[in-house]
Every structure is written in C-alpha cells, then in structure tokens.
Amino acid sequence: MASLPNKLITQVAFKAGGEIFHDIIANRPHHLAEATPTTVQGCLLHQGNFGTNGSAIQWNYSIDGKPQTAKVLLQDIDLEKKQIAFKVFEGDLCELYKNMITTCHVETKNGIDFITWTIDYELNTPDNPHPLSYLNFLIQFTNELESHFG
C-alpha cells in the first residue's frame, strides 16, 4: 500500500525580524552553530553555494538531546517571499520518512514577523511516528535564534 502524503505546519513569532531570519538561514547557515548551539551543531556545504537552489548542505543538529544529521538540497528560494525549502535526501530523518521537504517562510501580520515552518513527508511504514519531535525542534530552533538576536 502506498504511503499517503502528510503535512505539519507551525508558525512562530520572530521579534528579531524576518529579514534577519531569512538571511542567516538561506545565506549564512554555517553561523547557526554559534547562534543556536543547543539545536544546531554544524552546517557543511557539500555542493554549490549557500543561498543557491540545488546546493547540497549537511546539518548536524540535536533532537531531544540525540545528535542527528541530514543532507538536504536547497530549493524554492524566494528572496521576496523570504522562503527556502530543504529537501532531505540522506540522514536520520530518512530512516522514518520519505519525500520529506521542510519549507520556511516569513509572513508579516499586523507589523509582526512570523516564521512559518511546513513539513511535507510520507511515512516509510505506517507504524512510524509522525515527526512531532522534529516540528518541536524547529520551534525550539526558531526561539533560540530569536534569543540570540534579541
């Protein structure tokens, strides 16, 4: 039986400014280990350039205190919408999920910038849990980055 597509979405207010968020996550993710050490421990460029569609990077991060890695392709980068997507093609997340794409973009509502995270994925097996720990990681990461700049 084919797996059905799933989607999880969260939105977090980001008082430090959406421009700052998008710039660092798209163009300077290698600085995130310094800014968010409890969630992100490293970001290595494997192919291409930071901030460029089709580039491959590896994230080293921790979920619930457990070290993890993910190799991703950058896609759907849109400077005007302040959007970037990460298509996972290797790493811990691939053990449980396939066709996983994490998209983040900045929305401004009533003068407040919000970071919207969307996780599109399919379960590798019906018994696998949905990636709620990963969703919580994204919220924690966003809050930790805001604290760094705040």
N, C-alpha and C. Protein backbone atom coordinates (compact mmCIF):
# COMPACT_ATOMS: atom_id res chain seq x y z
N MET A 1 0.84 -1.18 0.00
CA MET A 1 0.00 0.00 0.00
C MET A 1 0.88 1.25 0.00
N ALA A 2 0.61 2.15 -0.87
CA ALA A 2 1.40 3.38 -0.98
C ALA A 2 1.12 4.28 0.22
N SER A 3 2.16 4.97 0.65
CA SER A 3 2.04 5.92 1.76
C SER A 3 1.36 7.19 1.27
N LEU A 4 0.53 7.75 2.12
CA LEU A 4 -0.14 9.00 1.78
C LEU A 4 0.71 10.18 2.21
N PRO A 5 0.64 11.29 1.49
CA PRO A 5 1.39 12.49 1.89
C PRO A 5 0.80 13.08 3.17
N ASN A 6 1.68 13.61 3.98
CA ASN A 6 1.30 14.26 5.24
C ASN A 6 1.91 15.65 5.29
N LYS A 7 1.36 16.47 6.18
CA LYS A 7 1.85 17.83 6.32
C LYS A 7 1.67 18.28 7.77
N LEU A 8 2.74 18.87 8.32
CA LEU A 8 2.67 19.52 9.63
C LEU A 8 3.10 20.97 9.44
N ILE A 9 2.42 21.89 10.13
CA ILE A 9 2.71 23.32 9.99
C ILE A 9 2.73 23.95 11.37
N THR A 10 3.69 24.83 11.58
CA THR A 10 3.72 25.64 12.79
C THR A 10 4.13 27.05 12.41
N GLN A 11 3.73 28.01 13.23
CA GLN A 11 4.07 29.40 12.99
C GLN A 11 4.55 30.01 14.31
N VAL A 12 5.70 30.68 14.26
CA VAL A 12 6.33 31.22 15.46
C VAL A 12 6.62 32.71 15.23
N ALA A 13 6.20 33.56 16.17
CA ALA A 13 6.53 34.98 16.09
C ALA A 13 8.03 35.14 16.24
N PHE A 14 8.61 36.05 15.45
CA PHE A 14 10.06 36.26 15.46
C PHE A 14 10.33 37.76 15.56
N LYS A 15 10.50 38.24 16.79
CA LYS A 15 10.64 39.68 17.04
C LYS A 15 11.94 40.26 16.50
N ALA A 16 12.94 39.42 16.28
CA ALA A 16 14.23 39.92 15.81
C ALA A 16 14.19 40.37 14.34
N GLY A 17 13.13 40.02 13.62
CA GLY A 17 12.96 40.48 12.24
C GLY A 17 13.10 39.37 11.22
N GLY A 18 12.13 39.30 10.34
CA GLY A 18 12.11 38.27 9.30
C GLY A 18 13.26 38.36 8.32
N GLU A 19 13.73 39.59 8.05
CA GLU A 19 14.88 39.76 7.14
C GLU A 19 16.11 39.07 7.71
N ILE A 20 16.34 39.26 9.01
CA ILE A 20 17.50 38.63 9.68
C ILE A 20 17.38 37.12 9.61
N PHE A 21 16.17 36.60 9.93
CA PHE A 21 15.96 35.16 9.92
C PHE A 21 16.26 34.59 8.54
N HIS A 22 15.64 35.15 7.51
CA HIS A 22 15.82 34.61 6.16
C HIS A 22 17.28 34.71 5.72
N ASP A 23 17.93 35.81 6.00
CA ASP A 23 19.32 35.98 5.58
C ASP A 23 20.23 34.92 6.19
N ILE A 24 20.09 34.69 7.48
CA ILE A 24 21.01 33.74 8.11
C ILE A 24 20.69 32.30 7.71
N ILE A 25 19.43 31.94 7.59
CA ILE A 25 19.10 30.56 7.26
C ILE A 25 19.39 30.24 5.79
N ALA A 26 19.22 31.23 4.92
CA ALA A 26 19.46 30.99 3.49
C ALA A 26 20.91 31.21 3.09
N ASN A 27 21.52 32.28 3.59
CA ASN A 27 22.84 32.67 3.09
C ASN A 27 24.00 32.41 4.04
N ARG A 28 23.70 32.28 5.33
CA ARG A 28 24.79 32.11 6.31
C ARG A 28 24.47 31.01 7.34
N PRO A 29 23.96 29.85 6.89
CA PRO A 29 23.58 28.82 7.86
C PRO A 29 24.77 28.26 8.64
N HIS A 30 25.98 28.42 8.10
CA HIS A 30 27.17 27.94 8.81
C HIS A 30 27.40 28.73 10.10
N HIS A 31 26.73 29.87 10.29
CA HIS A 31 26.84 30.65 11.53
C HIS A 31 25.84 30.19 12.59
N LEU A 32 24.93 29.29 12.23
CA LEU A 32 23.88 28.89 13.16
C LEU A 32 24.39 28.09 14.35
N ALA A 33 25.47 27.34 14.17
CA ALA A 33 26.01 26.56 15.29
C ALA A 33 26.44 27.48 16.43
N GLU A 34 26.92 28.66 16.08
CA GLU A 34 27.32 29.64 17.09
C GLU A 34 26.10 30.32 17.72
N ALA A 35 25.08 30.58 16.89
CA ALA A 35 23.90 31.29 17.37
C ALA A 35 22.90 30.38 18.09
N THR A 36 22.87 29.11 17.71
CA THR A 36 21.88 28.18 18.27
C THR A 36 22.55 26.85 18.66
N PRO A 37 23.49 26.87 19.59
CA PRO A 37 24.29 25.67 19.87
C PRO A 37 23.54 24.49 20.48
N THR A 38 22.40 24.74 21.12
CA THR A 38 21.69 23.59 21.69
C THR A 38 20.87 22.84 20.65
N THR A 39 20.56 23.49 19.52
CA THR A 39 19.78 22.82 18.48
C THR A 39 20.62 22.47 17.26
N VAL A 40 21.47 23.37 16.79
CA VAL A 40 22.27 23.14 15.59
C VAL A 40 23.75 23.15 15.96
N GLN A 41 24.44 22.08 15.62
CA GLN A 41 25.86 21.98 15.94
C GLN A 41 26.76 22.23 14.72
N GLY A 42 26.19 22.22 13.52
CA GLY A 42 27.01 22.48 12.35
C GLY A 42 26.22 22.47 11.07
N CYS A 43 26.80 23.10 10.05
CA CYS A 43 26.21 23.14 8.72
C CYS A 43 27.36 23.17 7.72
N LEU A 44 27.47 22.12 6.93
CA LEU A 44 28.57 22.00 5.98
C LEU A 44 28.06 22.06 4.55
N LEU A 45 28.72 22.82 3.72
CA LEU A 45 28.38 22.91 2.31
C LEU A 45 29.02 21.74 1.58
N HIS A 46 28.23 20.94 0.86
CA HIS A 46 28.75 19.79 0.10
C HIS A 46 28.83 20.08 -1.39
N GLN A 47 27.94 20.93 -1.89
CA GLN A 47 27.91 21.22 -3.33
C GLN A 47 27.21 22.55 -3.55
N GLY A 48 27.74 23.35 -4.45
CA GLY A 48 27.11 24.62 -4.78
C GLY A 48 27.49 25.72 -3.81
N ASN A 49 26.54 26.62 -3.57
CA ASN A 49 26.76 27.77 -2.69
C ASN A 49 25.58 27.95 -1.76
N PHE A 50 25.85 28.44 -0.55
CA PHE A 50 24.75 28.77 0.34
C PHE A 50 23.85 29.78 -0.35
N GLY A 51 22.54 29.64 -0.16
CA GLY A 51 21.58 30.57 -0.74
C GLY A 51 21.27 30.34 -2.20
N THR A 52 21.70 29.19 -2.76
CA THR A 52 21.51 28.90 -4.17
C THR A 52 20.72 27.60 -4.35
N ASN A 53 19.65 27.65 -5.14
CA ASN A 53 18.87 26.45 -5.42
C ASN A 53 19.76 25.34 -5.96
N GLY A 54 19.50 24.11 -5.51
CA GLY A 54 20.25 22.95 -5.97
C GLY A 54 21.50 22.66 -5.17
N SER A 55 21.89 23.54 -4.27
CA SER A 55 23.06 23.30 -3.44
C SER A 55 22.75 22.25 -2.39
N ALA A 56 23.77 21.48 -2.01
CA ALA A 56 23.62 20.43 -1.01
C ALA A 56 24.38 20.82 0.25
N ILE A 57 23.69 20.72 1.38
CA ILE A 57 24.34 21.01 2.65
C ILE A 57 24.00 19.89 3.64
N GLN A 58 24.86 19.75 4.65
CA GLN A 58 24.62 18.79 5.71
C GLN A 58 24.41 19.52 7.02
N TRP A 59 23.31 19.22 7.69
CA TRP A 59 23.02 19.77 9.01
C TRP A 59 23.42 18.76 10.07
N ASN A 60 24.07 19.23 11.12
CA ASN A 60 24.31 18.46 12.33
C ASN A 60 23.51 19.14 13.41
N TYR A 61 22.60 18.42 14.03
CA TYR A 61 21.66 19.02 14.97
C TYR A 61 21.29 18.00 16.04
N SER A 62 20.53 18.43 17.04
CA SER A 62 20.09 17.54 18.11
C SER A 62 18.59 17.66 18.29
N ILE A 63 17.94 16.50 18.35
CA ILE A 63 16.52 16.43 18.67
C ILE A 63 16.39 15.61 19.95
N ASP A 64 15.77 16.20 20.94
CA ASP A 64 15.61 15.55 22.25
C ASP A 64 16.95 15.08 22.79
N GLY A 65 18.01 15.87 22.57
CA GLY A 65 19.34 15.55 23.07
C GLY A 65 20.10 14.52 22.27
N LYS A 66 19.52 14.01 21.20
CA LYS A 66 20.16 12.98 20.38
C LYS A 66 20.78 13.63 19.13
N PRO A 67 22.11 13.45 18.93
CA PRO A 67 22.75 14.00 17.73
C PRO A 67 22.19 13.36 16.46
N GLN A 68 21.95 14.20 15.45
CA GLN A 68 21.41 13.73 14.18
C GLN A 68 22.09 14.47 13.03
N THR A 69 21.96 13.90 11.84
CA THR A 69 22.44 14.57 10.63
C THR A 69 21.38 14.49 9.55
N ALA A 70 21.44 15.44 8.64
CA ALA A 70 20.55 15.44 7.47
C ALA A 70 21.27 16.13 6.33
N LYS A 71 21.34 15.47 5.20
CA LYS A 71 21.81 16.12 3.98
C LYS A 71 20.58 16.56 3.21
N VAL A 72 20.61 17.83 2.77
CA VAL A 72 19.46 18.42 2.11
C VAL A 72 19.88 19.16 0.85
N LEU A 73 18.93 19.26 -0.07
CA LEU A 73 19.08 20.11 -1.25
C LEU A 73 18.26 21.37 -1.01
N LEU A 74 18.85 22.52 -1.29
CA LEU A 74 18.13 23.79 -1.18
C LEU A 74 17.25 23.96 -2.41
N GLN A 75 16.03 24.37 -2.21
CA GLN A 75 15.12 24.60 -3.33
C GLN A 75 14.09 25.66 -2.99
N ASP A 76 13.42 26.14 -4.01
CA ASP A 76 12.35 27.13 -3.86
C ASP A 76 12.77 28.36 -3.07
N ILE A 77 14.01 28.81 -3.26
CA ILE A 77 14.48 30.02 -2.58
C ILE A 77 13.83 31.22 -3.24
N ASP A 78 13.16 32.03 -2.44
CA ASP A 78 12.47 33.21 -2.95
C ASP A 78 12.78 34.37 -2.00
N LEU A 79 13.60 35.30 -2.46
CA LEU A 79 14.01 36.43 -1.62
C LEU A 79 12.84 37.34 -1.28
N GLU A 80 11.93 37.53 -2.22
CA GLU A 80 10.79 38.42 -1.99
C GLU A 80 9.85 37.85 -0.92
N LYS A 81 9.57 36.55 -1.00
CA LYS A 81 8.71 35.90 -0.02
C LYS A 81 9.48 35.50 1.24
N LYS A 82 10.80 35.66 1.19
CA LYS A 82 11.68 35.20 2.28
C LYS A 82 11.38 33.74 2.58
N GLN A 83 11.56 32.92 1.56
CA GLN A 83 11.23 31.50 1.64
C GLN A 83 12.41 30.65 1.19
N ILE A 84 12.54 29.48 1.82
CA ILE A 84 13.54 28.50 1.43
C ILE A 84 13.01 27.13 1.81
N ALA A 85 13.32 26.13 0.98
CA ALA A 85 12.92 24.75 1.27
C ALA A 85 14.15 23.86 1.29
N PHE A 86 14.07 22.84 2.12
CA PHE A 86 15.16 21.87 2.30
C PHE A 86 14.61 20.48 2.01
N LYS A 87 15.06 19.86 0.92
CA LYS A 87 14.61 18.50 0.58
C LYS A 87 15.63 17.52 1.14
N VAL A 88 15.20 16.70 2.09
CA VAL A 88 16.07 15.74 2.76
C VAL A 88 16.33 14.57 1.82
N PHE A 89 17.63 14.24 1.62
CA PHE A 89 17.93 13.09 0.78
C PHE A 89 18.83 12.06 1.48
N GLU A 90 19.31 12.38 2.68
CA GLU A 90 20.16 11.43 3.41
C GLU A 90 20.16 11.83 4.88
N GLY A 91 20.28 10.84 5.76
CA GLY A 91 20.41 11.13 7.19
C GLY A 91 19.34 10.45 8.04
N ASP A 92 19.31 10.83 9.31
CA ASP A 92 18.44 10.18 10.29
C ASP A 92 16.96 10.27 9.92
N LEU A 93 16.52 11.39 9.40
CA LEU A 93 15.10 11.55 9.05
C LEU A 93 14.66 10.56 7.97
N CYS A 94 15.59 10.14 7.11
CA CYS A 94 15.27 9.21 6.03
C CYS A 94 14.95 7.80 6.55
N GLU A 95 15.34 7.51 7.79
CA GLU A 95 15.03 6.20 8.36
C GLU A 95 13.52 6.05 8.59
N LEU A 96 12.84 7.16 8.85
CA LEU A 96 11.41 7.12 9.15
C LEU A 96 10.51 7.70 8.07
N TYR A 97 11.08 8.61 7.25
CA TYR A 97 10.26 9.37 6.32
C TYR A 97 10.86 9.38 4.93
N LYS A 98 9.99 9.51 3.94
CA LYS A 98 10.46 9.69 2.56
C LYS A 98 9.79 10.93 1.99
N ASN A 99 10.42 11.44 0.94
CA ASN A 99 9.91 12.64 0.28
C ASN A 99 9.70 13.79 1.26
N MET A 100 10.63 13.95 2.21
CA MET A 100 10.49 14.99 3.23
C MET A 100 11.07 16.31 2.72
N ILE A 101 10.24 17.34 2.77
CA ILE A 101 10.66 18.69 2.43
C ILE A 101 10.21 19.61 3.57
N THR A 102 11.15 20.36 4.09
CA THR A 102 10.85 21.34 5.13
C THR A 102 10.98 22.73 4.51
N THR A 103 9.91 23.49 4.57
CA THR A 103 9.89 24.84 4.00
C THR A 103 9.71 25.84 5.13
N CYS A 104 10.45 26.94 5.06
CA CYS A 104 10.19 28.03 6.00
C CYS A 104 10.04 29.32 5.20
N HIS A 105 9.14 30.14 5.65
CA HIS A 105 8.99 31.46 5.04
C HIS A 105 8.51 32.45 6.09
N VAL A 106 8.73 33.70 5.79
CA VAL A 106 8.39 34.79 6.71
C VAL A 106 7.09 35.43 6.24
N GLU A 107 6.17 35.60 7.18
CA GLU A 107 4.94 36.35 6.92
C GLU A 107 4.88 37.49 7.93
N THR A 108 4.40 38.63 7.48
CA THR A 108 4.23 39.76 8.39
C THR A 108 2.75 40.02 8.55
N LYS A 109 2.30 39.99 9.81
CA LYS A 109 0.89 40.25 10.12
C LYS A 109 0.83 41.32 11.20
N ASN A 110 0.14 42.40 10.91
CA ASN A 110 -0.01 43.50 11.88
C ASN A 110 1.33 43.97 12.43
N GLY A 111 2.32 44.04 11.54
CA GLY A 111 3.64 44.53 11.92
C GLY A 111 4.52 43.53 12.66
N ILE A 112 4.05 42.29 12.80
CA ILE A 112 4.83 41.25 13.49
C ILE A 112 5.26 40.21 12.46
N ASP A 113 6.56 39.86 12.48
CA ASP A 113 7.07 38.82 11.59
C ASP A 113 6.84 37.45 12.22
N PHE A 114 6.33 36.53 11.41
CA PHE A 114 6.12 35.15 11.83
C PHE A 114 6.93 34.24 10.91
N ILE A 115 7.55 33.23 11.50
CA ILE A 115 8.24 32.20 10.73
C ILE A 115 7.28 31.03 10.63
N THR A 116 6.93 30.66 9.42
CA THR A 116 6.05 29.52 9.19
C THR A 116 6.89 28.35 8.69
N TRP A 117 6.85 27.25 9.42
CA TRP A 117 7.53 26.02 9.05
C TRP A 117 6.49 25.02 8.55
N THR A 118 6.75 24.44 7.39
CA THR A 118 5.87 23.41 6.83
C THR A 118 6.71 22.17 6.55
N ILE A 119 6.29 21.04 7.07
CA ILE A 119 6.97 19.78 6.83
C ILE A 119 6.04 18.92 5.98
N ASP A 120 6.45 18.63 4.75
CA ASP A 120 5.74 17.70 3.88
C ASP A 120 6.52 16.39 3.90
N TYR A 121 5.83 15.27 4.07
CA TYR A 121 6.53 14.00 4.22
C TYR A 121 5.57 12.83 3.99
N GLU A 122 6.17 11.65 3.83
CA GLU A 122 5.44 10.39 3.83
C GLU A 122 6.13 9.48 4.82
N LEU A 123 5.36 8.66 5.51
CA LEU A 123 5.92 7.69 6.44
C LEU A 123 6.51 6.52 5.65
N ASN A 124 7.69 6.05 6.05
CA ASN A 124 8.27 4.86 5.39
C ASN A 124 7.43 3.63 5.66
N THR A 125 6.89 3.51 6.88
CA THR A 125 5.97 2.43 7.23
C THR A 125 4.83 3.04 8.04
N PRO A 126 3.66 2.44 7.99
CA PRO A 126 2.51 3.00 8.71
C PRO A 126 2.71 3.09 10.22
N ASP A 127 3.64 2.29 10.76
CA ASP A 127 3.88 2.28 12.21
C ASP A 127 4.80 3.40 12.66
N ASN A 128 5.46 4.07 11.74
CA ASN A 128 6.38 5.15 12.13
C ASN A 128 5.59 6.33 12.71
N PRO A 129 6.20 7.01 13.69
CA PRO A 129 5.52 8.18 14.26
C PRO A 129 5.61 9.37 13.30
N HIS A 130 4.67 10.25 13.40
CA HIS A 130 4.74 11.50 12.66
C HIS A 130 5.86 12.34 13.30
N PRO A 131 6.50 13.21 12.53
CA PRO A 131 7.70 13.92 13.03
C PRO A 131 7.40 15.09 13.97
N LEU A 132 6.69 14.81 15.04
CA LEU A 132 6.36 15.87 16.01
C LEU A 132 7.60 16.34 16.76
N SER A 133 8.55 15.43 17.03
CA SER A 133 9.80 15.84 17.69
C SER A 133 10.56 16.80 16.79
N TYR A 134 10.55 16.53 15.48
CA TYR A 134 11.22 17.41 14.52
C TYR A 134 10.52 18.77 14.46
N LEU A 135 9.18 18.76 14.49
CA LEU A 135 8.42 20.01 14.50
C LEU A 135 8.76 20.82 15.75
N ASN A 136 8.82 20.15 16.90
CA ASN A 136 9.20 20.84 18.14
C ASN A 136 10.63 21.37 18.07
N PHE A 137 11.51 20.62 17.42
CA PHE A 137 12.89 21.07 17.21
C PHE A 137 12.89 22.40 16.42
N LEU A 138 12.08 22.49 15.37
CA LEU A 138 12.04 23.72 14.56
C LEU A 138 11.54 24.91 15.39
N ILE A 139 10.58 24.67 16.27
CA ILE A 139 10.10 25.74 17.15
C ILE A 139 11.20 26.16 18.11
N GLN A 140 11.86 25.18 18.72
CA GLN A 140 12.95 25.48 19.66
C GLN A 140 14.09 26.22 18.95
N PHE A 141 14.44 25.76 17.75
CA PHE A 141 15.49 26.42 16.96
C PHE A 141 15.13 27.88 16.69
N THR A 142 13.89 28.13 16.26
CA THR A 142 13.45 29.49 15.95
C THR A 142 13.52 30.38 17.19
N ASN A 143 13.06 29.86 18.31
CA ASN A 143 13.11 30.63 19.56
C ASN A 143 14.54 30.87 20.01
N GLU A 144 15.41 29.88 19.85
CA GLU A 144 16.80 30.05 20.25
C GLU A 144 17.50 31.10 19.36
N LEU A 145 17.19 31.08 18.07
CA LEU A 145 17.77 32.08 17.16
C LEU A 145 17.26 33.48 17.51
N GLU A 146 15.98 33.59 17.82
CA GLU A 146 15.45 34.89 18.21
C GLU A 146 16.14 35.41 19.48
N SER A 147 16.36 34.53 20.46
CA SER A 147 17.05 34.93 21.69
C SER A 147 18.47 35.41 21.41
N HIS A 148 19.12 34.78 20.44
CA HIS A 148 20.48 35.18 20.08
C HIS A 148 20.51 36.62 19.57
N PHE A 149 19.52 36.97 18.75
CA PHE A 149 19.49 38.31 18.16
C PHE A 149 18.76 39.32 19.04
N GLY A 150 17.96 38.82 19.99
CA GLY A 150 17.14 39.70 20.82
C GLY A 150 17.96 40.31 21.91
